[in-house]
Amino acid sequence: MDAWLTLSATTRLRELRDAAERFAGCRPSGLVLTKLDESRTSGDALELLARAPAPLRLVTDGQE
């Protein structure tokens, strides 16, 4: 069974890194980035993705 780490694009880099470290023990095989429509910039999320051990699998936006 695969585990994907789901993170919000509206979250600051420090919190994104903290979450990734906290769930590293689950060994996620992919990342899901949500709320792209609510984020003014995506720099923090892109920074995390550049250093993430797992690839980006899915992006989402909107309420549905």
N, C-alpha and C. Protein backbone atom coordinates (compact mmCIF):
# COMPACT_ATOMS: atom_id res chain seq x y z
N MET A 1 0.85 -1.17 0.00
CA MET A 1 0.00 0.00 0.00
C MET A 1 0.89 1.24 0.00
N ASP A 2 0.58 2.18 -0.86
CA ASP A 2 1.33 3.43 -0.95
C ASP A 2 0.75 4.46 0.01
N ALA A 3 1.63 5.26 0.57
CA ALA A 3 1.21 6.40 1.39
C ALA A 3 1.68 7.66 0.68
N TRP A 4 0.77 8.60 0.54
CA TRP A 4 1.11 9.89 -0.07
C TRP A 4 0.95 10.96 0.99
N LEU A 5 1.92 11.84 1.09
CA LEU A 5 1.87 12.95 2.02
C LEU A 5 1.13 14.11 1.36
N THR A 6 0.08 14.58 2.00
CA THR A 6 -0.74 15.66 1.45
C THR A 6 -0.46 16.94 2.22
N LEU A 7 -0.07 17.98 1.48
CA LEU A 7 0.28 19.26 2.08
C LEU A 7 -0.40 20.40 1.34
N SER A 8 -0.70 21.46 2.08
CA SER A 8 -1.35 22.63 1.49
C SER A 8 -0.33 23.60 0.92
N ALA A 9 -0.59 24.12 -0.26
CA ALA A 9 0.30 25.10 -0.89
C ALA A 9 0.28 26.44 -0.16
N THR A 10 -0.67 26.64 0.73
CA THR A 10 -0.76 27.89 1.48
C THR A 10 0.13 27.89 2.72
N THR A 11 0.75 26.77 3.01
CA THR A 11 1.57 26.62 4.21
C THR A 11 2.98 27.16 3.98
N ARG A 12 3.53 27.81 5.01
CA ARG A 12 4.88 28.35 4.91
C ARG A 12 5.92 27.23 4.92
N LEU A 13 7.08 27.53 4.38
CA LEU A 13 8.13 26.54 4.20
C LEU A 13 8.51 25.84 5.50
N ARG A 14 8.64 26.57 6.58
CA ARG A 14 9.02 25.95 7.86
C ARG A 14 8.02 24.87 8.27
N GLU A 15 6.73 25.16 8.13
CA GLU A 15 5.70 24.19 8.50
C GLU A 15 5.65 23.02 7.51
N LEU A 16 5.89 23.30 6.23
CA LEU A 16 5.95 22.22 5.25
C LEU A 16 7.08 21.25 5.58
N ARG A 17 8.24 21.80 5.91
CA ARG A 17 9.39 20.95 6.27
C ARG A 17 9.10 20.16 7.54
N ASP A 18 8.50 20.82 8.52
CA ASP A 18 8.16 20.13 9.77
C ASP A 18 7.22 18.96 9.52
N ALA A 19 6.21 19.18 8.70
CA ALA A 19 5.26 18.11 8.39
C ALA A 19 5.95 16.96 7.65
N ALA A 20 6.80 17.29 6.70
CA ALA A 20 7.51 16.26 5.95
C ALA A 20 8.40 15.44 6.87
N GLU A 21 9.06 16.09 7.81
CA GLU A 21 9.91 15.38 8.77
C GLU A 21 9.08 14.52 9.72
N ARG A 22 7.96 15.07 10.18
CA ARG A 22 7.09 14.36 11.12
C ARG A 22 6.54 13.07 10.52
N PHE A 23 6.23 13.09 9.23
CA PHE A 23 5.64 11.93 8.59
C PHE A 23 6.63 11.10 7.78
N ALA A 24 7.91 11.40 7.91
CA ALA A 24 8.93 10.65 7.16
C ALA A 24 8.92 9.17 7.51
N GLY A 25 8.56 8.85 8.73
CA GLY A 25 8.50 7.45 9.15
C GLY A 25 7.45 6.63 8.40
N CYS A 26 6.49 7.30 7.83
CA CYS A 26 5.46 6.62 7.02
C CYS A 26 5.99 6.27 5.64
N ARG A 27 7.16 6.79 5.31
CA ARG A 27 7.81 6.57 4.02
C ARG A 27 6.87 6.85 2.83
N PRO A 28 6.40 8.08 2.72
CA PRO A 28 5.49 8.39 1.62
C PRO A 28 6.17 8.17 0.26
N SER A 29 5.43 7.58 -0.65
CA SER A 29 5.96 7.33 -1.99
C SER A 29 5.61 8.45 -2.96
N GLY A 30 4.86 9.44 -2.48
CA GLY A 30 4.49 10.57 -3.31
C GLY A 30 3.94 11.70 -2.47
N LEU A 31 3.88 12.86 -3.10
CA LEU A 31 3.35 14.06 -2.44
C LEU A 31 2.12 14.57 -3.19
N VAL A 32 1.17 15.08 -2.44
CA VAL A 32 -0.02 15.72 -3.00
C VAL A 32 0.01 17.17 -2.51
N LEU A 33 -0.12 18.10 -3.41
CA LEU A 33 -0.12 19.52 -3.08
C LEU A 33 -1.53 20.07 -3.32
N THR A 34 -2.16 20.58 -2.25
CA THR A 34 -3.55 21.05 -2.33
C THR A 34 -3.62 22.57 -2.24
N LYS A 35 -4.81 23.09 -2.52
CA LYS A 35 -5.15 24.51 -2.37
C LYS A 35 -4.31 25.45 -3.23
N LEU A 36 -3.95 25.01 -4.40
CA LEU A 36 -3.17 25.88 -5.27
C LEU A 36 -3.92 27.16 -5.61
N ASP A 37 -5.23 27.11 -5.65
CA ASP A 37 -6.03 28.29 -5.97
C ASP A 37 -6.03 29.31 -4.83
N GLU A 38 -5.69 28.90 -3.62
CA GLU A 38 -5.71 29.80 -2.47
C GLU A 38 -4.33 30.39 -2.17
N SER A 39 -3.33 29.94 -2.87
CA SER A 39 -1.97 30.39 -2.60
C SER A 39 -1.59 31.55 -3.51
N ARG A 40 -1.08 32.62 -2.93
CA ARG A 40 -0.64 33.77 -3.73
C ARG A 40 0.66 33.46 -4.45
N THR A 41 1.54 32.71 -3.79
CA THR A 41 2.80 32.30 -4.40
C THR A 41 3.00 30.81 -4.11
N SER A 42 3.79 30.18 -4.92
CA SER A 42 4.04 28.75 -4.71
C SER A 42 5.50 28.46 -4.42
N GLY A 43 6.26 29.51 -4.11
CA GLY A 43 7.69 29.36 -3.88
C GLY A 43 8.03 28.41 -2.75
N ASP A 44 7.32 28.50 -1.63
CA ASP A 44 7.62 27.61 -0.50
C ASP A 44 7.33 26.16 -0.86
N ALA A 45 6.21 25.92 -1.51
CA ALA A 45 5.87 24.56 -1.91
C ALA A 45 6.88 24.02 -2.93
N LEU A 46 7.29 24.86 -3.86
CA LEU A 46 8.29 24.43 -4.85
C LEU A 46 9.63 24.14 -4.20
N GLU A 47 9.99 24.93 -3.21
CA GLU A 47 11.23 24.69 -2.47
C GLU A 47 11.20 23.34 -1.79
N LEU A 48 10.08 23.01 -1.16
CA LEU A 48 9.94 21.71 -0.51
C LEU A 48 10.03 20.59 -1.55
N LEU A 49 9.34 20.75 -2.67
CA LEU A 49 9.33 19.72 -3.70
C LEU A 49 10.72 19.48 -4.28
N ALA A 50 11.51 20.54 -4.37
CA ALA A 50 12.87 20.40 -4.91
C ALA A 50 13.74 19.53 -4.02
N ARG A 51 13.43 19.49 -2.73
CA ARG A 51 14.25 18.74 -1.78
C ARG A 51 13.56 17.48 -1.27
N ALA A 52 12.35 17.24 -1.70
CA ALA A 52 11.58 16.12 -1.18
C ALA A 52 12.11 14.78 -1.71
N PRO A 53 12.10 13.77 -0.86
CA PRO A 53 12.56 12.45 -1.30
C PRO A 53 11.55 11.72 -2.17
N ALA A 54 10.31 12.20 -2.18
CA ALA A 54 9.26 11.54 -2.97
C ALA A 54 8.78 12.50 -4.06
N PRO A 55 8.35 11.98 -5.19
CA PRO A 55 7.90 12.84 -6.29
C PRO A 55 6.49 13.40 -6.07
N LEU A 56 6.22 14.51 -6.72
CA LEU A 56 4.88 15.08 -6.72
C LEU A 56 3.98 14.18 -7.55
N ARG A 57 2.87 13.75 -6.96
CA ARG A 57 1.94 12.84 -7.64
C ARG A 57 0.66 13.51 -8.09
N LEU A 58 0.23 14.54 -7.37
CA LEU A 58 -1.08 15.13 -7.64
C LEU A 58 -1.12 16.56 -7.12
N VAL A 59 -1.79 17.44 -7.85
CA VAL A 59 -2.06 18.80 -7.39
C VAL A 59 -3.56 19.03 -7.45
N THR A 60 -4.08 19.82 -6.52
CA THR A 60 -5.51 20.08 -6.49
C THR A 60 -5.77 21.57 -6.28
N ASP A 61 -6.95 22.00 -6.68
CA ASP A 61 -7.42 23.35 -6.41
C ASP A 61 -8.94 23.33 -6.37
N GLY A 62 -9.51 24.38 -5.86
CA GLY A 62 -10.97 24.48 -5.82
C GLY A 62 -11.58 23.63 -4.73
N GLN A 63 -12.86 23.80 -4.56
CA GLN A 63 -13.59 23.10 -3.50
C GLN A 63 -14.03 21.70 -3.88
N GLU A 64 -13.99 21.38 -5.14
CA GLU A 64 -14.45 20.06 -5.56
C GLU A 64 -13.32 19.31 -6.19
